[in-house]
C-alpha atoms as a PDB file:
ATOM      1  CA  MET A   1      93.069 129.721 110.647  1.00  0.00           C
ATOM      2  CA  THR A   2      96.009 131.417 109.098  1.00  0.00           C
ATOM      3  CA  VAL A   3      97.619 130.211 106.122  1.00  0.00           C
ATOM      4  CA  GLU A   4     101.334 130.637 106.134  1.00  0.00           C
ATOM      5  CA  ARG A   5     103.607 130.445 102.836  1.00  0.00           C
ATOM      6  CA  GLY A   6     106.919 129.747 102.250  1.00  0.00           C
ATOM      7  CA  VAL A   7     109.911 128.620  99.979  1.00  0.00           C
ATOM      8  CA  LEU A   8     112.669 126.252 100.707  1.00  0.00           C
ATOM      9  CA  ALA A   9     115.632 126.592  98.627  1.00  0.00           C
ATOM     10  CA  LEU A  10     116.894 123.211  97.876  1.00  0.00           C
ATOM     11  CA  ASP A  11     120.509 124.125  97.259  1.00  0.00           C
ATOM     12  CA  GLU A  12     120.921 124.590 101.207  1.00  0.00           C
ATOM     13  CA  PHE A  13     120.823 120.373 101.375  1.00  0.00           C
ATOM     14  CA  PRO A  14     123.676 118.162 100.488  1.00  0.00           C
ATOM     15  CA  GLY A  15     122.742 116.627  96.803  1.00  0.00           C
ATOM     16  CA  PRO A  16     119.804 116.628  95.015  1.00  0.00           C
ATOM     17  CA  PHE A  17     116.065 116.174  95.836  1.00  0.00           C
ATOM     18  CA  ASP A  18     112.967 114.827  94.155  1.00  0.00           C
ATOM     19  CA  LEU A  19     109.779 115.132  95.927  1.00  0.00           C
ATOM     20  CA  GLN A  20     107.514 113.121  93.724  1.00  0.00           C
ATOM     21  CA  SER A  21     109.762 109.821  93.986  1.00  0.00           C
ATOM     22  CA  THR A  22     110.372 110.677  97.647  1.00  0.00           C
ATOM     23  CA  VAL A  23     106.876 110.371  98.503  1.00  0.00           C
ATOM     24  CA  GLU A  24     105.274 108.099  95.703  1.00  0.00           C
ATOM     25  CA  SER A  25     107.875 105.368  96.114  1.00  0.00           C
ATOM     26  CA  GLY A  26     106.029 103.139  98.557  1.00  0.00           C
ATOM     27  CA  GLN A  27     107.800 104.353 101.768  1.00  0.00           C
ATOM     28  CA  SER A  28     104.970 106.196 103.087  1.00  0.00           C
ATOM     29  CA  TYR A  29     101.379 106.224 102.777  1.00  0.00           C
ATOM     30  CA  LEU A  30     100.861 109.350 104.732  1.00  0.00           C
ATOM     31  CA  TRP A  31     100.874 111.748 102.015  1.00  0.00           C
ATOM     32  CA  ASP A  32      97.998 112.391  99.517  1.00  0.00           C
ATOM     33  CA  ARG A  33      98.193 114.480  95.966  1.00  0.00           C
ATOM     34  CA  ALA A  34      95.897 117.474  95.878  1.00  0.00           C
ATOM     35  CA  ASP A  35      95.003 116.284  92.356  1.00  0.00           C
ATOM     36  CA  GLY A  36      93.558 112.970  93.596  1.00  0.00           C
ATOM     37  CA  ARG A  37      96.346 110.876  91.486  1.00  0.00           C
ATOM     38  CA  MET A  38      98.948 109.695  94.207  1.00  0.00           C
ATOM     39  CA  TYR A  39     100.322 106.221  92.884  1.00  0.00           C
ATOM     40  CA  ASP A  40      98.548 106.610  89.549  1.00  0.00           C
ATOM     41  CA  GLU A  41     101.834 106.106  87.623  1.00  0.00           C
ATOM     42  CA  THR A  42     104.971 103.671  88.292  1.00  0.00           C
ATOM     43  CA  GLY A  43     108.321 105.237  88.181  1.00  0.00           C
ATOM     44  CA  ALA A  44     106.947 108.536  89.623  1.00  0.00           C
ATOM     45  CA  PHE A  45     109.632 111.127  89.478  1.00  0.00           C
ATOM     46  CA  GLY A  46     110.223 114.817  88.628  1.00  0.00           C
ATOM     47  CA  GLY A  47     106.622 116.142  88.905  1.00  0.00           C
ATOM     48  CA  ASP A  48     105.408 119.350  90.325  1.00  0.00           C
ATOM     49  CA  ALA A  49     102.003 118.271  91.895  1.00  0.00           C
ATOM     50  CA  TRP A  50     101.111 119.624  95.248  1.00  0.00           C
ATOM     51  CA  TYR A  51     101.124 116.959  98.060  1.00  0.00           C
ATOM     52  CA  GLU A  52      99.539 117.102 101.310  1.00  0.00           C
ATOM     53  CA  THR A  53      99.713 115.417 104.822  1.00  0.00           C
ATOM     54  CA  VAL A  54      98.398 116.170 108.258  1.00  0.00           C
ATOM     55  CA  VAL A  55     101.222 116.339 111.158  1.00  0.00           C
ATOM     56  CA  ARG A  56     101.023 116.662 114.782  1.00  0.00           C
ATOM     57  CA  VAL A  57     102.441 119.626 116.500  1.00  0.00           C
ATOM     58  CA  ASP A  58     102.438 119.511 119.944  1.00  0.00           C
ATOM     59  CA  GLY A  59      99.416 116.910 119.813  1.00  0.00           C
ATOM     60  CA  ASP A  60      97.335 119.246 117.380  1.00  0.00           C
ATOM     61  CA  PRO A  61      96.748 118.235 113.883  1.00  0.00           C
ATOM     62  CA  ALA A  62      98.137 120.880 111.088  1.00  0.00           C
ATOM     63  CA  VAL A  63      98.144 120.611 107.367  1.00  0.00           C
ATOM     64  CA  VAL A  64     101.229 120.772 105.374  1.00  0.00           C
ATOM     65  CA  ARG A  65     101.013 121.071 101.505  1.00  0.00           C
ATOM     66  CA  VAL A  66     104.422 121.242  99.443  1.00  0.00           C
ATOM     67  CA  ARG A  67     105.352 121.077  95.795  1.00  0.00           C
ATOM     68  CA  GLN A  68     108.596 121.231  94.118  1.00  0.00           C
ATOM     69  CA  VAL A  69     109.242 123.930  91.328  1.00  0.00           C
ATOM     70  CA  ASP A  70     112.883 123.443  90.083  1.00  0.00           C
ATOM     71  CA  ASP A  71     115.270 123.917  92.713  1.00  0.00           C
ATOM     72  CA  ARG A  72     112.804 124.964  95.371  1.00  0.00           C
ATOM     73  CA  LEU A  73     109.938 123.671  97.625  1.00  0.00           C
ATOM     74  CA  GLU A  74     106.741 125.859  97.895  1.00  0.00           C
ATOM     75  CA  TRP A  75     104.837 125.274 101.013  1.00  0.00           C
ATOM     76  CA  GLU A  76     101.449 126.054 102.702  1.00  0.00           C
ATOM     77  CA  SER A  77     100.399 125.371 106.190  1.00  0.00           C
ATOM     78  CA  SER A  78      99.024 126.722 109.539  1.00  0.00           C
ATOM     79  CA  VAL A  79     102.589 126.212 110.931  1.00  0.00           C
ATOM     80  CA  ASP A  80     106.156 126.833 110.022  1.00  0.00           C
ATOM     81  CA  ALA A  81     106.598 123.835 107.766  1.00  0.00           C
ATOM     82  CA  VAL A  82     110.192 124.239 107.291  1.00  0.00           C
ATOM     83  CA  PRO A  83     111.436 121.979 110.261  1.00  0.00           C
ATOM     84  CA  ILE A  84     108.724 119.323 109.266  1.00  0.00           C
ATOM     85  CA  LEU A  85     109.842 119.123 105.882  1.00  0.00           C
ATOM     86  CA  ARG A  86     113.490 118.839 106.747  1.00  0.00           C
ATOM     87  CA  GLU A  87     112.691 116.083 109.192  1.00  0.00           C
ATOM     88  CA  ARG A  88     109.842 113.948 107.066  1.00  0.00           C
ATOM     89  CA  LEU A  89     111.720 114.324 103.724  1.00  0.00           C
ATOM     90  CA  ARG A  90     115.369 113.926 105.271  1.00  0.00           C
ATOM     91  CA  LEU A  91     116.489 116.798 103.225  1.00  0.00           C
ATOM     92  CA  GLY A  92     119.641 116.899 105.358  1.00  0.00           C
ATOM     93  CA  ASP A  93     120.968 113.407 104.390  1.00  0.00           C
ATOM     94  CA  ASP A  94     124.246 113.636 102.273  1.00  0.00           C
ATOM     95  CA  LEU A  95     122.919 111.740  99.108  1.00  0.00           C
ATOM     96  CA  PRO A  96     126.220 112.028  97.365  1.00  0.00           C
ATOM     97  CA  ALA A  97     128.136 110.369 100.483  1.00  0.00           C
ATOM     98  CA  ILE A  98     125.537 108.051 100.536  1.00  0.00           C
ATOM     99  CA  ARG A  99     125.817 106.953  97.069  1.00  0.00           C
ATOM    100  CA  ALA A 100     129.673 106.673  97.345  1.00  0.00           C
ATOM    101  CA  ALA A 101     129.461 104.306 100.452  1.00  0.00           C
ATOM    102  CA  THR A 102     127.291 102.007  98.281  1.00  0.00           C
ATOM    103  CA  PRO A 103     129.287  99.245  96.150  1.00  0.00           C
ATOM    104  CA  ASP A 104     129.887  99.613  92.579  1.00  0.00           C
ATOM    105  CA  ASP A 105     127.051  97.667  91.105  1.00  0.00           C
ATOM    106  CA  GLU A 106     125.249  97.815  87.855  1.00  0.00           C
ATOM    107  CA  VAL A 107     121.880  97.202  89.223  1.00  0.00           C
ATOM    108  CA  VAL A 108     122.148  99.993  92.119  1.00  0.00           C
ATOM    109  CA  GLU A 109     123.796 102.611  89.812  1.00  0.00           C
ATOM    110  CA  SER A 110     121.333 102.248  87.300  1.00  0.00           C
ATOM    111  CA  ALA A 111     118.667 102.828  89.924  1.00  0.00           C
ATOM    112  CA  PHE A 112     120.693 105.933  91.379  1.00  0.00           C
ATOM    113  CA  ASP A 113     120.753 107.446  87.591  1.00  0.00           C
ATOM    114  CA  ALA A 114     117.171 106.882  87.184  1.00  0.00           C
ATOM    115  CA  TYR A 115     115.863 108.454  90.251  1.00  0.00           C
ATOM    116  CA  TRP A 116     118.656 110.516  91.478  1.00  0.00           C
ATOM    117  CA  GLY A 117     117.354 112.903  94.105  1.00  0.00           C
ATOM    118  CA  MET A 118     115.260 110.349  95.787  1.00  0.00           C
ATOM    119  CA  ARG A 119     115.288 110.593  99.722  1.00  0.00           C
ATOM    120  CA  LEU A 120     113.939 108.079 102.422  1.00  0.00           C
ATOM    121  CA  VAL A 121     111.037 109.319 104.377  1.00  0.00           C
ATOM    122  CA  ASP A 122     111.028 109.876 108.227  1.00  0.00           C
ATOM    123  CA  ASP A 123     107.463 109.104 109.362  1.00  0.00           C
ATOM    124  CA  PRO A 124     106.033 108.864 112.624  1.00  0.00           C
ATOM    125  CA  ALA A 125     106.420 105.243 113.831  1.00  0.00           C
ATOM    126  CA  VAL A 126     102.918 104.389 114.732  1.00  0.00           C
ATOM    127  CA  PRO A 127     101.244 105.549 111.674  1.00  0.00           C
ATOM    128  CA  SER A 128     104.142 103.815 109.670  1.00  0.00           C
ATOM    129  CA  LEU A 129     103.570 100.631 111.789  1.00  0.00           C
ATOM    130  CA  ILE A 130      99.766 100.541 110.990  1.00  0.00           C
ATOM    131  CA  SER A 131     100.368 101.383 107.490  1.00  0.00           C
ATOM    132  CA  PHE A 132     102.683  98.625 106.972  1.00  0.00           C
ATOM    133  CA  ILE A 133     100.487  95.915 108.939  1.00  0.00           C
ATOM    134  CA  CYS A 134      97.934  96.888 106.133  1.00  0.00           C
ATOM    135  CA  SER A 135     100.699  96.462 103.330  1.00  0.00           C
ATOM    136  CA  ALA A 136     100.581  92.610 103.124  1.00  0.00           C
ATOM    137  CA  GLN A 137      99.874  91.296  99.662  1.00  0.00           C
ATOM    138  CA  MET A 138      98.647  94.820  98.443  1.00  0.00           C
ATOM    139  CA  ARG A 139      99.546  97.052  95.761  1.00  0.00           C
ATOM    140  CA  VAL A 140     100.751 100.428  97.008  1.00  0.00           C
ATOM    141  CA  ALA A 141      97.958 102.110  95.638  1.00  0.00           C
ATOM    142  CA  ARG A 142      95.612  99.943  97.653  1.00  0.00           C
ATOM    143  CA  ILE A 143      97.722 100.372 100.651  1.00  0.00           C
ATOM    144  CA  HIS A 144      97.372 104.326 100.207  1.00  0.00           C
ATOM    145  CA  GLY A 145      93.620 104.158  99.654  1.00  0.00           C
ATOM    146  CA  MET A 146      93.234 102.073 103.127  1.00  0.00           C
ATOM    147  CA  GLN A 147      95.087 104.638 104.924  1.00  0.00           C
ATOM    148  CA  ARG A 148      92.910 107.197 103.839  1.00  0.00           C
ATOM    149  CA  GLU A 149      89.921 105.346 104.783  1.00  0.00           C
ATOM    150  CA  LEU A 150      91.338 105.003 108.131  1.00  0.00           C
ATOM    151  CA  GLU A 151      91.551 108.786 108.334  1.00  0.00           C
ATOM    152  CA  ARG A 152      88.268 109.485 107.510  1.00  0.00           C
ATOM    153  CA  ALA A 153      86.752 107.056 109.691  1.00  0.00           C
ATOM    154  CA  PHE A 154      88.706 107.593 112.785  1.00  0.00           C
ATOM    155  CA  GLY A 155      90.935 110.473 112.602  1.00  0.00           C
ATOM    156  CA  SER A 156      90.591 114.118 114.082  1.00  0.00           C
ATOM    157  CA  THR A 157      89.657 116.716 111.627  1.00  0.00           C
ATOM    158  CA  VAL A 158      91.383 120.021 110.986  1.00  0.00           C
ATOM    159  CA  GLU A 159      90.059 122.929 108.903  1.00  0.00           C
ATOM    160  CA  PHE A 160      92.634 124.659 106.560  1.00  0.00           C
ATOM    161  CA  ASP A 161      92.119 126.908 103.632  1.00  0.00           C
ATOM    162  CA  GLY A 162      88.604 126.310 103.494  1.00  0.00           C
ATOM    163  CA  ARG A 163      88.767 122.564 103.469  1.00  0.00           C
ATOM    164  CA  THR A 164      88.486 119.828 105.991  1.00  0.00           C
ATOM    165  CA  TYR A 165      91.290 117.336 106.356  1.00  0.00           C
ATOM    166  CA  HIS A 166      91.749 114.297 108.490  1.00  0.00           C
ATOM    167  CA  ALA A 167      94.583 113.455 110.594  1.00  0.00           C
ATOM    168  CA  PHE A 168      95.921 109.758 110.881  1.00  0.00           C
ATOM    169  CA  PRO A 169      94.250 108.193 113.797  1.00  0.00           C
ATOM    170  CA  THR A 170      96.004 107.955 116.988  1.00  0.00           C
ATOM    171  CA  ALA A 171      96.639 104.560 118.556  1.00  0.00           C
ATOM    172  CA  GLU A 172      93.952 105.708 120.990  1.00  0.00           C
ATOM    173  CA  GLN A 173      91.458 106.350 118.177  1.00  0.00           C
ATOM    174  CA  LEU A 174      92.116 102.979 116.504  1.00  0.00           C
ATOM    175  CA  ALA A 175      92.144 101.221 119.501  1.00  0.00           C
ATOM    176  CA  GLU A 176      88.021 102.097 119.904  1.00  0.00           C
ATOM    177  CA  ALA A 177      87.429 100.606 116.525  1.00  0.00           C
ATOM    178  CA  SER A 178      85.832  97.245 116.390  1.00  0.00           C
ATOM    179  CA  GLU A 179      87.168  94.528 114.033  1.00  0.00           C
ATOM    180  CA  ALA A 180      83.756  94.395 112.014  1.00  0.00           C
ATOM    181  CA  GLU A 181      84.277  98.361 111.468  1.00  0.00           C
ATOM    182  CA  LEU A 182      87.846  97.989 110.174  1.00  0.00           C
ATOM    183  CA  ARG A 183      86.843  95.139 107.980  1.00  0.00           C
ATOM    184  CA  ASP A 184      84.252  97.256 106.456  1.00  0.00           C
ATOM    185  CA  LEU A 185      86.981  99.694 105.198  1.00  0.00           C
ATOM    186  CA  GLY A 186      88.652  96.869 103.217  1.00  0.00           C
ATOM    187  CA  LEU A 187      91.261  95.710 105.756  1.00  0.00           C
ATOM    188  CA  GLY A 188      90.041  92.294 105.635  1.00  0.00           C
ATOM    189  CA  TYR A 189      92.319  89.724 107.799  1.00  0.00           C
ATOM    190  CA  ARG A 190      94.428  92.676 108.607  1.00  0.00           C
ATOM    191  CA  ALA A 191      91.539  94.139 110.821  1.00  0.00           C
ATOM    192  CA  PRO A 192      92.247  92.478 114.040  1.00  0.00           C
ATOM    193  CA  TYR A 193      96.124  92.881 113.664  1.00  0.00           C
ATOM    194  CA  VAL A 194      95.675  96.740 113.147  1.00  0.00           C
ATOM    195  CA  ARG A 195      93.059  97.059 116.041  1.00  0.00           C
ATOM    196  CA  ASP A 196      95.183  94.769 118.484  1.00  0.00           C
ATOM    197  CA  THR A 197      98.540  96.547 117.683  1.00  0.00           C
ATOM    198  CA  ALA A 198      96.858 100.157 118.310  1.00  0.00           C
ATOM    199  CA  ARG A 199      95.492  98.462 121.628  1.00  0.00           C
ATOM    200  CA  MET A 200      99.112  97.583 122.543  1.00  0.00           C
ATOM    201  CA  VAL A 201     100.327 101.284 122.068  1.00  0.00           C
ATOM    202  CA  ALA A 202      97.254 102.673 123.608  1.00  0.00           C
ATOM    203  CA  ASP A 203      97.334 100.571 127.061  1.00  0.00           C
ATOM    204  CA  GLY A 204     101.315 101.286 127.153  1.00  0.00           C
ATOM    205  CA  GLU A 205     101.896  97.685 126.847  1.00  0.00           C
ATOM    206  CA  ALA A 206     104.562  98.589 123.970  1.00  0.00           C
ATOM    207  CA  HIS A 207     105.528 101.197 121.803  1.00  0.00           C
ATOM    208  CA  PRO A 208     107.502 101.158 118.121  1.00  0.00           C
ATOM    209  CA  GLU A 209     109.932 103.824 119.509  1.00  0.00           C
ATOM    210  CA  GLU A 210     111.223 101.314 122.156  1.00  0.00           C
ATOM    211  CA  ALA A 211     113.043  99.871 119.252  1.00  0.00           C
ATOM    212  CA  ALA A 212     114.879 103.083 118.506  1.00  0.00           C
ATOM    213  CA  GLY A 213     118.600 102.848 119.737  1.00  0.00           C
ATOM    214  CA  LEU A 214     118.960  99.073 119.791  1.00  0.00           C
ATOM    215  CA  ASP A 215     121.261  97.034 117.960  1.00  0.00           C
ATOM    216  CA  TYR A 216     119.522  96.491 114.429  1.00  0.00           C
ATOM    217  CA  GLU A 217     118.302  92.846 114.648  1.00  0.00           C
ATOM    218  CA  ASP A 218     117.329  93.591 118.328  1.00  0.00           C
ATOM    219  CA  ALA A 219     115.195  96.485 116.943  1.00  0.00           C
ATOM    220  CA  ARG A 220     113.783  94.284 114.342  1.00  0.00           C
ATOM    221  CA  GLU A 221     112.872  91.754 116.909  1.00  0.00           C
ATOM    222  CA  SER A 222     111.340  94.326 119.305  1.00  0.00           C
ATOM    223  CA  LEU A 223     108.814  95.500 116.579  1.00  0.00           C
ATOM    224  CA  THR A 224     107.834  91.773 115.899  1.00  0.00           C
ATOM    225  CA  ARG A 225     105.971  91.873 119.265  1.00  0.00           C
ATOM    226  CA  PHE A 226     103.236  93.778 117.511  1.00  0.00           C
ATOM    227  CA  VAL A 227     100.387  91.843 116.444  1.00  0.00           C
ATOM    228  CA  GLY A 228     100.540  91.268 112.330  1.00  0.00           C
ATOM    229  CA  VAL A 229     104.090  92.357 112.368  1.00  0.00           C
ATOM    230  CA  GLY A 230     106.591  89.776 110.942  1.00  0.00           C
ATOM    231  CA  ASP A 231     110.282  90.658 109.911  1.00  0.00           C
ATOM    232  CA  LYS A 232     109.810  92.463 106.624  1.00  0.00           C
ATOM    233  CA  VAL A 233     106.999  94.856 108.187  1.00  0.00           C
ATOM    234  CA  ALA A 234     109.374  95.703 111.114  1.00  0.00           C
ATOM    235  CA  ASP A 235     112.157  96.468 108.527  1.00  0.00           C
ATOM    236  CA  CYS A 236     109.891  98.765 107.063  1.00  0.00           C
ATOM    237  CA  VAL A 237     109.226 100.590 109.924  1.00  0.00           C
ATOM    238  CA  LEU A 238     113.023 100.497 111.138  1.00  0.00           C
ATOM    239  CA  LEU A 239     113.878 102.152 107.656  1.00  0.00           C
ATOM    240  CA  PHE A 240     111.111 104.489 107.028  1.00  0.00           C
ATOM    241  CA  ALA A 241     110.254 105.809 110.685  1.00  0.00           C
ATOM    242  CA  LEU A 242     113.266 104.826 113.058  1.00  0.00           C
ATOM    243  CA  ASP A 243     116.131 105.840 111.157  1.00  0.00           C
ATOM    244  CA  TYR A 244     117.847 102.279 110.561  1.00  0.00           C
ATOM    245  CA  LEU A 245     119.188 103.240 107.041  1.00  0.00           C
ATOM    246  CA  GLU A 246     120.766  99.638 106.873  1.00  0.00           C
ATOM    247  CA  ALA A 247     117.417  97.850 107.039  1.00  0.00           C
ATOM    248  CA  VAL A 248     116.412  96.075 103.768  1.00  0.00           C
ATOM    249  CA  PRO A 249     112.654  94.888 104.051  1.00  0.00           C
ATOM    250  CA  LEU A 250     112.528  91.577 102.190  1.00  0.00           C
ATOM    251  CA  ASP A 251     109.176  91.938 100.296  1.00  0.00           C
ATOM    252  CA  THR A 252     108.432  90.096  96.958  1.00  0.00           C
ATOM    253  CA  TRP A 253     109.846  92.670  94.899  1.00  0.00           C
ATOM    254  CA  ILE A 254     113.198  92.256  96.477  1.00  0.00           C
ATOM    255  CA  ARG A 255     113.048  88.453  96.850  1.00  0.00           C
ATOM    256  CA  THR A 256     112.686  88.665  93.081  1.00  0.00           C
ATOM    257  CA  THR A 257     115.635  91.026  92.749  1.00  0.00           C
ATOM    258  CA  ILE A 258     117.682  88.854  94.839  1.00  0.00           C
ATOM    259  CA  GLU A 259     116.666  85.808  92.774  1.00  0.00           C
ATOM    260  CA  GLU A 260     117.419  87.472  89.518  1.00  0.00           C
ATOM    261  CA  TYR A 261     120.428  89.734  90.332  1.00  0.00           C
ATOM    262  CA  TYR A 262     121.967  88.555  93.745  1.00  0.00           C
ATOM    263  CA  PRO A 263     121.482  84.593  94.014  1.00  0.00           C
ATOM    264  CA  ASP A 264     124.495  83.954  96.262  1.00  0.00           C
ATOM    265  CA  CYS A 265     122.578  86.412  98.898  1.00  0.00           C
ATOM    266  CA  ASP A 266     119.543  83.803  99.171  1.00  0.00           C
ATOM    267  CA  ARG A 267     120.096  81.842 102.329  1.00  0.00           C
ATOM    268  CA  GLY A 268     116.890  80.105 102.749  1.00  0.00           C
ATOM    269  CA  ASN A 269     115.646  82.157 105.704  1.00  0.00           C
ATOM    270  CA  TYR A 270     115.031  85.780 106.391  1.00  0.00           C
ATOM    271  CA  ALA A 271     117.840  86.718 108.998  1.00  0.00           C
ATOM    272  CA  ASP A 272     120.585  85.335 106.898  1.00  0.00           C
ATOM    273  CA  THR A 273     119.397  86.404 103.570  1.00  0.00           C
ATOM    274  CA  SER A 274     118.800  89.897 105.118  1.00  0.00           C
ATOM    275  CA  ARG A 275     122.704  89.971 106.335  1.00  0.00           C
ATOM    276  CA  ALA A 276     123.890  88.996 102.736  1.00  0.00           C
ATOM    277  CA  ILE A 277     121.946  91.350 100.769  1.00  0.00           C
ATOM    278  CA  ARG A 278     122.603  94.401 103.382  1.00  0.00           C
ATOM    279  CA  GLU A 279     126.328  93.185 102.762  1.00  0.00           C
ATOM    280  CA  ALA A 280     125.877  93.369  99.250  1.00  0.00           C
ATOM    281  CA  PHE A 281     124.177  96.755  99.230  1.00  0.00           C
ATOM    282  CA  GLY A 282     127.176  98.341 101.216  1.00  0.00           C
ATOM    283  CA  GLY A 283     125.757  97.888 104.838  1.00  0.00           C
ATOM    284  CA  GLU A 284     125.329 101.082 106.564  1.00  0.00           C
ATOM    285  CA  TYR A 285     123.113 102.718 103.630  1.00  0.00           C
ATOM    286  CA  ALA A 286     121.821  99.349 102.399  1.00  0.00           C
ATOM    287  CA  GLY A 287     118.391 100.606 102.978  1.00  0.00           C
ATOM    288  CA  TYR A 288     118.966 103.597 100.371  1.00  0.00           C
ATOM    289  CA  ALA A 289     120.215 101.267  97.868  1.00  0.00           C
ATOM    290  CA  GLN A 290     117.028  98.922  98.441  1.00  0.00           C
ATOM    291  CA  THR A 291     114.573 101.769  98.195  1.00  0.00           C
ATOM    292  CA  TYR A 292     116.118 102.895  94.866  1.00  0.00           C
ATOM    293  CA  VAL A 293     116.374  99.499  93.364  1.00  0.00           C
ATOM    294  CA  PHE A 294     112.852  98.817  94.623  1.00  0.00           C
ATOM    295  CA  HIS A 295     111.425 101.843  92.770  1.00  0.00           C
ATOM    296  CA  TYR A 296     113.630 101.257  89.594  1.00  0.00           C
ATOM    297  CA  LEU A 297     112.170  97.501  89.258  1.00  0.00           C
ATOM    298  CA  ARG A 298     109.023  97.842  90.517  1.00  0.00           C
END
């Protein structure tokens, strides 16, 4: 398999970009570091490590490796990685305009200053859904490790540059897994959720992409059809896979942030608290503000 290499100049895109914080901020569990140190450090930012992921191009797995060196991305792949990196790393987002649309708030501004250049990710919907089903009561490093276990156990293999990589398993591959096999990988009580959700997709009963294009709260409700998916997991998938940049997942960290910095936004239930904190974070791009604040305070 031919190894293609290329360079992507970051000055082509609006605003700054930081690869490490984008892929090591708890948004995506589909990337890995070539040096094995993914999620080793809190407040990850500014590094030049190689990151790797397996994507599907016309259904076939392909490896993409990328690192940031100053104002450029250097990449290696068996395919043209440029369109993949543009999409997955949201390089086209106008970060200065997004920041300008966010209220002048001390916590949010401090977070933007600390990690300026971090983007949201745009992951495929099914892997994002499975990853966040696994995320309940888990540290980011453990969630990440769990996805690697799923890949090794059930994902298709692809050879690249003398190494064997594993793709994230398809819904069909996960649907064949038994609850016992998934529990053996450390999924615990999440095992039947992953299996049953995968079966819903594989059987054509439901697909997370059916939420795309619905009004935001209807989209969130659509995703809660899946087994093991509540409002918070649904919001994660909306924000990190389905282009709902206003979504604010109310996890433990953000609830603590609300308690400490935005107590007026606590309305006693998920839907109303969600509306209030989205408004406090500026509405349309509230998910961007949330992601910066999460990475900053975590």
